[in-house]
Amino acid sequence: MKLYRIFRKCFPVLILISAVVIIFSPIIYSTLFLNFTIQPQNFSDGMIRQYSNDNLNSRVDVKLPKGIWEIKWQSPLIKGLDPQCILVRDERILVQGFQNWQLFDVTGKNISTARFSNSDVIIDPDKSLIYCADQNSMLTAYDLTDGKLNFILDDVYGVKYRRSFITRFQNNLIVVSNEQQLDPHSSEKPDVTYIQIQLMENQVKVDDLKILNNSKRGKIEKRTSAELITASTEEQLIIAYKDNVELLNQELNIIKSYQDKFFPLAISLDEKLNIYLIIKKEDGEPVLWILTSECKRTFEYSLPVSEKFEPPCIGYDGTCFINLGNQILAINPDEGLIWNKFTQPVSGILALSDYNLLITEGGFVLALDNLGERKFVYEFPPGTNLTAPCISEKGEIYIADAKSLYCLKIKD
């Protein structure tokens, strides 16, 4: 009898709980079991290097605003800059040229310029510094706020080496230096790359010439290939060179590796540490490989021949976009080729978190949807050659031609 009374009292509550479970079960199920969509990366770091970030995956956690676009402001570039790409962090915009960079604030005001040579250019978001190599191939750091020289690191390999990748693990700098051939008539061919840890102190100390005097060399790794390519996460460095892929930890120890017969052309990563690698086989055929974080190859797709390959752009739904200059391929690891669009010359592509692909095609700024259909954003005069697009956290687009930097915004 007592059980019956208890059951009568609890029965309405049980009915209510059952109803809630039935109503929300699809949401619970999809959340727990079906949510395989790649989670957006935080934009707080900005677009800190060519191809967006250290993963080199050309994507950014911003949605494309809807509306009619207009030029908010236009600022002149220094003569001969030859803009290659645009970086953005907080209130600063950096236009990277062939041998110079130019720094602006978000109103288009010119702040500073500097020369660099044969190097990577990267914004360090935590230290608010710009890293690159100077004309003597010494590593230089500039303040992101005012563009003034902060320090010069001369304790790296000399002028025969290109600083192809610069990043930071915790407080230590990682510098990848590829040997280069300075004398085109020399019979000796470049055949080595050095990967160096530079141990840094929290407080920078410099002499009168801004030479850093309180850092020292850490571990140095050597690979017998001058064509080594690199990408990284916050904790690992991924390198690819002839016949080899290696995952290195912060001490540059090999934790995973993969060997085959190939020559690497371009590399990028997703947040699960899947490795997207464009390689050339021994017969010259270009191929897209995908390797897991365990260095197990899970996907292969033959690509058209191209003079140059960029690091694969990786969308937030896992789609891999290959920019061939006048053709864009959308490839899904589960389905293969999704779409293939022939284009006018495309300077660069950028994957957004709303699954739009922001591109510059000739003098047009366009967005491609998940079916590859074009959506108009803005048109520049015919014959204009544009850089790859860059977008801010507010959804403003920065883009440059040979003479000017432009900021595009939605009309009020």
Protein backbone atom coordinates (compact mmCIF):
# COMPACT_ATOMS: atom_id res chain seq x y z
CA MET A 1 0.00 0.00 0.00
CA LYS A 2 2.86 2.37 0.86
CA LEU A 3 4.50 1.64 -2.50
CA TYR A 4 1.26 2.45 -4.27
CA ARG A 5 0.98 5.86 -2.49
CA ILE A 6 4.60 6.65 -3.34
CA PHE A 7 4.01 5.67 -6.97
CA ARG A 8 0.89 7.92 -7.18
CA LYS A 9 2.85 10.89 -5.82
CA CYS A 10 5.81 10.33 -8.17
CA PHE A 11 3.79 9.48 -11.28
CA PRO A 12 3.31 13.11 -12.52
CA VAL A 13 7.04 13.78 -12.04
CA LEU A 14 7.94 10.65 -14.01
CA ILE A 15 5.61 11.70 -16.83
CA LEU A 16 7.22 15.17 -16.94
CA ILE A 17 10.76 13.71 -17.03
CA SER A 18 9.77 11.31 -19.82
CA ALA A 19 8.31 14.14 -21.89
CA VAL A 20 11.47 16.24 -21.50
CA VAL A 21 13.67 13.30 -22.56
CA ILE A 22 11.49 12.62 -25.64
CA ILE A 23 11.44 16.29 -26.70
CA PHE A 24 15.16 16.90 -26.26
CA SER A 25 16.54 13.48 -27.13
CA PRO A 26 17.44 14.47 -30.73
CA ILE A 27 19.47 17.40 -29.42
CA ILE A 28 21.13 15.27 -26.74
CA TYR A 29 21.94 12.54 -29.25
CA SER A 30 23.33 14.90 -31.84
CA THR A 31 25.40 16.70 -29.24
CA LEU A 32 26.89 13.52 -27.82
CA PHE A 33 27.25 11.37 -30.90
CA LEU A 34 26.83 13.27 -34.15
CA ASN A 35 28.67 16.53 -33.61
CA PHE A 36 31.74 15.89 -35.77
CA THR A 37 31.97 19.44 -37.11
CA ILE A 38 35.41 20.95 -36.55
CA GLN A 39 35.24 23.51 -33.77
CA PRO A 40 36.32 27.03 -34.77
CA GLN A 41 39.68 28.29 -33.61
CA ASN A 42 39.63 31.35 -31.39
CA PHE A 43 40.30 34.52 -33.39
CA SER A 44 42.02 36.22 -30.45
CA ASP A 45 45.46 35.62 -32.00
CA GLY A 46 44.40 37.23 -35.28
CA MET A 47 45.85 36.31 -38.67
CA ILE A 48 49.46 36.20 -37.55
CA ARG A 49 51.29 34.92 -40.63
CA GLN A 50 50.77 34.01 -44.28
CA TYR A 51 48.11 31.28 -44.42
CA SER A 52 46.60 32.62 -41.15
CA ASN A 53 48.34 30.68 -38.37
CA ASP A 54 51.08 28.21 -37.43
CA ASN A 55 48.89 25.37 -38.78
CA LEU A 56 49.07 27.11 -42.20
CA ASN A 57 45.44 26.06 -42.80
CA SER A 58 44.16 29.45 -44.11
CA ARG A 59 41.09 29.62 -41.92
CA VAL A 60 39.72 32.04 -39.37
CA ASP A 61 36.81 31.99 -36.93
CA VAL A 62 34.80 34.83 -38.50
CA LYS A 63 31.49 34.83 -40.36
CA LEU A 64 31.11 36.91 -43.50
CA PRO A 65 28.75 39.84 -42.78
CA LYS A 66 25.74 40.19 -45.06
CA GLY A 67 25.04 43.38 -46.97
CA ILE A 68 26.51 45.71 -49.57
CA TRP A 69 30.25 46.27 -49.25
CA GLU A 70 32.07 49.58 -49.64
CA ILE A 71 35.58 50.97 -49.13
CA LYS A 72 35.88 52.30 -45.57
CA TRP A 73 39.37 53.72 -46.12
CA GLN A 74 42.32 53.49 -48.50
CA SER A 75 45.97 54.06 -47.53
CA PRO A 76 49.03 54.30 -49.79
CA LEU A 77 51.75 51.66 -49.70
CA ILE A 78 55.42 52.54 -49.94
CA LYS A 79 56.84 52.43 -53.44
CA GLY A 80 58.08 49.00 -54.49
CA LEU A 81 56.51 47.13 -51.56
CA ASP A 82 55.09 44.42 -53.85
CA PRO A 83 52.49 43.16 -51.31
CA GLN A 84 52.36 39.40 -50.81
CA CYS A 85 49.92 38.97 -47.91
CA ILE A 86 48.27 40.83 -45.02
CA LEU A 87 48.47 40.02 -41.30
CA VAL A 88 46.21 41.41 -38.58
CA ARG A 89 46.40 41.39 -34.81
CA ASP A 90 44.41 43.60 -32.39
CA GLU A 91 44.67 47.18 -33.66
CA ARG A 92 47.48 46.56 -36.14
CA ILE A 93 47.60 45.55 -39.81
CA LEU A 94 50.86 44.43 -41.43
CA VAL A 95 51.30 44.29 -45.18
CA GLN A 96 54.11 41.87 -46.03
CA GLY A 97 55.91 42.72 -49.23
CA PHE A 98 58.73 41.02 -51.11
CA GLN A 99 61.54 42.53 -49.02
CA ASN A 100 59.71 45.11 -46.89
CA TRP A 101 56.76 45.20 -44.56
CA GLN A 102 54.55 48.15 -43.70
CA LEU A 103 52.58 48.55 -40.47
CA PHE A 104 49.22 50.36 -40.13
CA ASP A 105 46.64 50.90 -37.44
CA VAL A 106 42.99 49.97 -38.02
CA THR A 107 42.16 53.49 -39.23
CA GLY A 108 44.67 53.17 -42.07
CA LYS A 109 47.33 55.36 -40.47
CA ASN A 110 50.88 54.41 -41.48
CA ILE A 111 53.02 53.52 -38.45
CA SER A 112 56.31 52.05 -39.63
CA THR A 113 58.18 50.11 -42.32
CA ALA A 114 61.16 47.76 -42.19
CA ARG A 115 63.24 45.63 -44.53
CA PHE A 116 63.65 41.88 -44.28
CA SER A 117 65.24 39.23 -46.44
CA ASN A 118 64.59 35.55 -47.20
CA SER A 119 62.50 34.85 -44.15
CA ASP A 120 59.20 34.04 -42.63
CA VAL A 121 57.31 37.03 -41.14
CA ILE A 122 55.14 36.35 -38.11
CA ILE A 123 53.31 38.29 -35.43
CA ASP A 124 53.84 36.91 -31.93
CA PRO A 125 50.43 37.64 -30.33
CA ASP A 126 51.51 37.09 -26.71
CA LYS A 127 54.72 39.10 -26.86
CA SER A 128 53.29 41.74 -29.28
CA LEU A 129 56.35 41.38 -31.51
CA ILE A 130 57.01 40.98 -35.23
CA TYR A 131 59.68 38.41 -36.15
CA CYS A 132 61.61 38.26 -39.43
CA ALA A 133 65.21 38.18 -40.67
CA ASP A 134 67.14 41.28 -41.67
CA GLN A 135 69.37 41.79 -44.71
CA ASN A 136 72.16 39.86 -42.95
CA SER A 137 69.77 36.98 -42.14
CA MET A 138 69.89 37.79 -38.42
CA LEU A 139 66.60 37.27 -36.62
CA THR A 140 64.99 40.59 -35.73
CA ALA A 141 62.05 41.47 -33.48
CA TYR A 142 60.00 44.66 -33.77
CA ASP A 143 57.36 46.03 -31.42
CA LEU A 144 53.92 45.51 -32.87
CA THR A 145 52.65 48.74 -31.30
CA ASP A 146 55.03 51.22 -32.93
CA GLY A 147 57.13 49.08 -35.32
CA LYS A 148 60.39 49.99 -33.58
CA LEU A 149 63.28 47.53 -33.34
CA ASN A 150 63.11 45.53 -30.10
CA PHE A 151 66.10 43.20 -30.46
CA ILE A 152 68.42 41.46 -32.94
CA LEU A 153 69.28 37.80 -32.45
CA ASP A 154 72.62 37.11 -34.14
CA ASP A 155 73.07 33.62 -32.68
CA VAL A 156 71.57 31.77 -35.66
CA TYR A 157 73.11 30.30 -38.81
CA GLY A 158 74.47 32.85 -41.29
CA VAL A 159 73.57 34.36 -44.64
CA LYS A 160 73.53 31.05 -46.52
CA TYR A 161 70.29 30.11 -44.79
CA ARG A 162 66.68 31.17 -45.28
CA ARG A 163 64.58 31.53 -42.12
CA SER A 164 61.65 29.57 -43.52
CA PHE A 165 59.70 29.12 -40.30
CA ILE A 166 59.77 31.03 -37.01
CA THR A 167 57.56 30.26 -34.04
CA ARG A 168 57.65 30.15 -30.26
CA PHE A 169 57.19 27.24 -27.84
CA GLN A 170 56.45 28.72 -24.41
CA ASN A 171 59.29 31.22 -23.95
CA ASN A 172 61.70 29.74 -26.49
CA LEU A 173 62.02 30.63 -30.14
CA ILE A 174 62.13 27.93 -32.80
CA VAL A 175 63.95 28.88 -36.01
CA VAL A 176 64.00 26.67 -39.10
CA SER A 177 66.90 27.62 -41.41
CA ASN A 178 67.09 26.15 -44.92
CA GLU A 179 70.40 26.33 -46.77
CA GLN A 180 70.11 28.35 -49.96
CA GLN A 181 72.29 28.74 -53.02
CA LEU A 182 73.63 32.29 -53.19
CA ASP A 183 75.91 31.71 -56.17
CA PRO A 184 73.89 30.42 -59.16
CA HIS A 185 77.13 29.30 -60.83
CA SER A 186 78.27 27.14 -57.92
CA SER A 187 78.40 23.39 -58.45
CA GLU A 188 77.54 22.81 -54.79
CA LYS A 189 73.83 22.39 -54.18
CA PRO A 190 72.08 23.25 -50.89
CA ASP A 191 71.45 20.06 -48.95
CA VAL A 192 70.83 20.84 -45.28
CA THR A 193 68.27 22.41 -42.92
CA TYR A 194 68.84 23.28 -39.25
CA ILE A 195 66.07 23.43 -36.64
CA GLN A 196 67.18 25.46 -33.67
CA ILE A 197 65.84 26.21 -30.20
CA GLN A 198 66.84 29.62 -28.89
CA LEU A 199 66.50 29.81 -25.09
CA MET A 200 64.99 33.17 -24.18
CA GLU A 201 64.69 34.99 -20.85
CA ASN A 202 61.46 36.66 -19.76
CA GLN A 203 63.18 40.04 -19.70
CA VAL A 204 64.94 41.09 -22.91
CA LYS A 205 68.39 42.62 -22.45
CA VAL A 206 70.15 44.30 -25.37
CA ASP A 207 73.29 46.33 -25.99
CA ASP A 208 73.51 49.74 -27.66
CA LEU A 209 73.07 48.14 -31.08
CA LYS A 210 69.94 46.23 -29.91
CA ILE A 211 71.84 42.92 -30.04
CA LEU A 212 70.20 40.47 -27.66
CA ASN A 213 72.72 39.43 -25.02
CA ASN A 214 70.75 37.28 -22.58
CA SER A 215 69.70 34.33 -24.74
CA LYS A 216 71.57 31.18 -25.70
CA ARG A 217 71.33 28.33 -28.15
CA GLY A 218 69.43 25.26 -27.14
CA LYS A 219 69.18 22.03 -29.06
CA ILE A 220 69.89 22.03 -32.81
CA GLU A 221 68.59 19.37 -35.16
CA LYS A 222 70.03 18.83 -38.65
CA ARG A 223 68.24 17.28 -41.64
CA THR A 224 70.04 16.52 -44.90
CA SER A 225 67.57 18.33 -47.15
CA ALA A 226 67.34 22.02 -48.03
CA GLU A 227 63.69 21.61 -49.14
CA LEU A 228 62.26 20.89 -45.70
CA ILE A 229 58.80 22.38 -45.00
CA THR A 230 57.24 23.06 -41.62
CA ALA A 231 53.98 23.66 -39.74
CA SER A 232 53.34 23.63 -36.01
CA THR A 233 50.87 23.46 -33.16
CA GLU A 234 51.33 24.95 -29.70
CA GLU A 235 53.27 21.87 -28.61
CA GLN A 236 54.61 20.12 -31.72
CA LEU A 237 56.62 20.89 -34.82
CA ILE A 238 55.73 18.92 -37.95
CA ILE A 239 58.41 18.72 -40.63
CA ALA A 240 58.40 17.07 -44.04
CA TYR A 241 61.41 16.50 -46.26
CA LYS A 242 62.39 13.98 -48.93
CA ASP A 243 60.82 10.60 -48.04
CA ASN A 244 60.07 11.65 -44.44
CA VAL A 245 57.42 13.20 -42.20
CA GLU A 246 58.30 13.77 -38.53
CA LEU A 247 56.43 15.04 -35.48
CA LEU A 248 58.80 16.72 -33.03
CA ASN A 249 58.04 17.76 -29.46
CA GLN A 250 59.16 21.00 -27.82
CA GLU A 251 62.61 19.52 -27.20
CA LEU A 252 62.83 18.58 -30.92
CA ASN A 253 62.69 14.87 -30.17
CA ILE A 254 60.93 12.68 -32.76
CA ILE A 255 57.68 11.29 -31.34
CA LYS A 256 56.11 9.97 -34.56
CA SER A 257 57.40 9.52 -38.11
CA TYR A 258 56.39 8.31 -41.56
CA GLN A 259 58.57 7.17 -44.45
CA ASP A 260 57.79 6.62 -48.14
CA LYS A 261 59.15 7.64 -51.54
CA PHE A 262 58.04 11.24 -52.13
CA PHE A 263 59.04 14.89 -52.29
CA PRO A 264 57.00 17.33 -50.12
CA LEU A 265 55.52 20.46 -51.73
CA ALA A 266 53.14 21.99 -49.16
CA ILE A 267 51.80 21.22 -45.68
CA SER A 268 49.02 22.27 -43.30
CA LEU A 269 47.31 20.93 -40.17
CA ASP A 270 43.88 20.85 -38.59
CA GLU A 271 43.16 21.11 -34.87
CA LYS A 272 43.16 17.30 -34.50
CA LEU A 273 46.74 17.26 -35.84
CA ASN A 274 45.75 15.61 -39.09
CA ILE A 275 48.50 16.42 -41.58
CA TYR A 276 47.46 17.60 -45.06
CA LEU A 277 50.46 17.10 -47.28
CA ILE A 278 50.83 17.79 -50.99
CA ILE A 279 53.65 15.63 -52.34
CA LYS A 280 55.23 14.72 -55.63
CA LYS A 281 55.71 11.03 -56.33
CA GLU A 282 58.80 9.62 -58.00
CA ASP A 283 57.03 9.72 -61.38
CA GLY A 284 56.26 13.44 -60.87
CA GLU A 285 52.54 13.04 -60.10
CA PRO A 286 51.27 15.54 -57.48
CA VAL A 287 49.10 13.97 -54.79
CA LEU A 288 47.25 15.10 -51.66
CA TRP A 289 47.91 12.88 -48.65
CA ILE A 290 46.22 13.05 -45.26
CA LEU A 291 48.06 11.56 -42.30
CA THR A 292 46.69 11.17 -38.78
CA SER A 293 48.42 12.42 -35.64
CA GLU A 294 49.89 8.92 -35.43
CA CYS A 295 51.47 9.42 -38.87
CA LYS A 296 49.17 6.84 -40.50
CA ARG A 297 48.21 7.70 -44.08
CA THR A 298 44.42 7.53 -44.47
CA PHE A 299 43.71 9.39 -47.71
CA GLU A 300 45.22 9.95 -51.15
CA TYR A 301 43.95 12.03 -54.06
CA SER A 302 45.74 12.75 -57.35
CA LEU A 303 45.99 16.45 -58.21
CA PRO A 304 46.43 18.29 -61.51
CA VAL A 305 49.96 19.42 -62.31
CA SER A 306 50.64 22.98 -61.15
CA GLU A 307 53.66 25.29 -61.09
CA LYS A 308 53.08 26.06 -57.41
CA PHE A 309 51.11 24.56 -54.55
CA GLU A 310 49.96 26.48 -51.48
CA PRO A 311 49.38 24.77 -48.12
CA PRO A 312 45.92 23.14 -48.27
CA CYS A 313 43.14 25.36 -46.90
CA ILE A 314 41.04 23.39 -44.40
CA GLY A 315 37.40 24.34 -43.88
CA TYR A 316 35.54 24.09 -40.60
CA ASP A 317 33.56 21.10 -41.89
CA GLY A 318 36.75 19.21 -42.79
CA THR A 319 36.70 20.07 -46.50
CA CYS A 320 40.16 20.57 -47.97
CA PHE A 321 40.50 23.32 -50.59
CA ILE A 322 43.38 23.28 -53.07
CA ASN A 323 44.16 26.57 -54.83
CA LEU A 324 45.85 25.91 -58.18
CA GLY A 325 45.89 29.55 -59.26
CA ASN A 326 43.19 29.26 -61.93
CA GLN A 327 41.29 26.35 -60.41
CA ILE A 328 39.98 25.50 -56.93
CA LEU A 329 39.32 21.93 -55.81
CA ALA A 330 37.10 21.06 -52.83
CA ILE A 331 37.99 17.62 -51.49
CA ASN A 332 36.34 15.77 -48.62
CA PRO A 333 38.30 12.90 -47.01
CA ASP A 334 35.13 10.76 -46.93
CA GLU A 335 33.67 11.64 -50.34
CA GLY A 336 36.61 12.62 -52.52
CA LEU A 337 36.13 15.53 -54.94
CA ILE A 338 33.04 17.61 -54.06
CA TRP A 339 33.43 20.37 -56.62
CA ASN A 340 35.95 21.81 -59.04
CA LYS A 341 35.83 25.45 -60.16
CA PHE A 342 37.91 27.01 -62.93
CA THR A 343 38.62 30.65 -62.20
CA GLN A 344 40.50 33.75 -63.20
CA PRO A 345 43.84 33.98 -61.34
CA VAL A 346 43.17 33.50 -57.60
CA SER A 347 45.65 35.21 -55.28
CA GLY A 348 44.49 33.47 -52.13
CA ILE A 349 41.66 31.72 -50.32
CA LEU A 350 40.41 31.91 -46.74
CA ALA A 351 37.98 29.51 -45.02
CA LEU A 352 35.45 31.20 -42.70
CA SER A 353 33.46 29.66 -39.87
CA ASP A 354 30.15 30.00 -41.75
CA TYR A 355 31.62 27.63 -44.40
CA ASN A 356 32.11 30.43 -46.91
CA LEU A 357 35.40 30.48 -48.79
CA LEU A 358 36.60 34.08 -49.19
CA ILE A 359 38.74 34.53 -52.31
CA THR A 360 40.26 37.16 -54.58
CA GLU A 361 39.74 36.32 -58.25
CA GLY A 362 41.21 38.84 -60.65
CA GLY A 363 39.85 42.20 -59.45
CA PHE A 364 36.93 40.60 -57.60
CA VAL A 365 36.48 39.74 -53.95
CA LEU A 366 34.09 36.77 -53.84
CA ALA A 367 32.70 34.19 -51.44
CA LEU A 368 32.17 30.59 -52.50
CA ASP A 369 29.48 28.62 -50.65
CA ASN A 370 29.71 24.92 -49.76
CA LEU A 371 28.62 24.03 -53.31
CA GLY A 372 31.26 26.28 -54.87
CA GLU A 373 28.72 28.87 -56.05
CA ARG A 374 30.06 32.40 -56.26
CA LYS A 375 28.64 35.25 -54.18
CA PHE A 376 29.70 38.80 -55.07
CA VAL A 377 31.45 40.85 -52.37
CA TYR A 378 33.29 43.71 -54.10
CA GLU A 379 34.76 44.62 -57.50
CA PHE A 380 37.93 46.61 -58.08
CA PRO A 381 38.80 48.23 -61.45
CA PRO A 382 39.70 45.80 -64.27
CA GLY A 383 43.34 44.75 -64.29
CA THR A 384 43.76 45.13 -60.53
CA ASN A 385 45.99 42.48 -58.95
CA LEU A 386 44.95 41.82 -55.37
CA THR A 387 46.53 40.03 -52.43
CA ALA A 388 44.82 37.17 -50.64
CA PRO A 389 41.98 38.50 -48.46
CA CYS A 390 42.40 39.12 -44.75
CA ILE A 391 39.47 39.59 -42.37
CA SER A 392 39.27 41.12 -38.89
CA GLU A 393 37.31 39.88 -35.91
CA LYS A 394 34.76 42.63 -36.66
CA GLY A 395 34.26 41.26 -40.18
CA GLU A 396 36.11 44.02 -42.02
CA ILE A 397 38.12 42.84 -45.04
CA TYR A 398 41.66 44.06 -45.65
CA ILE A 399 43.11 43.70 -49.10
CA ALA A 400 45.92 45.34 -51.09
CA ASP A 401 46.91 46.03 -54.65
CA ALA A 402 50.28 47.33 -55.86
CA LYS A 403 49.68 50.86 -54.55
CA SER A 404 47.17 50.81 -51.70
CA LEU A 405 45.81 48.98 -48.69
CA TYR A 406 41.99 48.90 -48.53
CA CYS A 407 39.54 48.30 -45.75
CA LEU A 408 36.12 47.04 -46.86
CA LYS A 409 33.04 47.18 -44.65
CA ILE A 410 29.28 46.70 -44.91
CA LYS A 411 27.39 49.90 -45.72
CA ASP A 412 25.53 51.41 -42.76
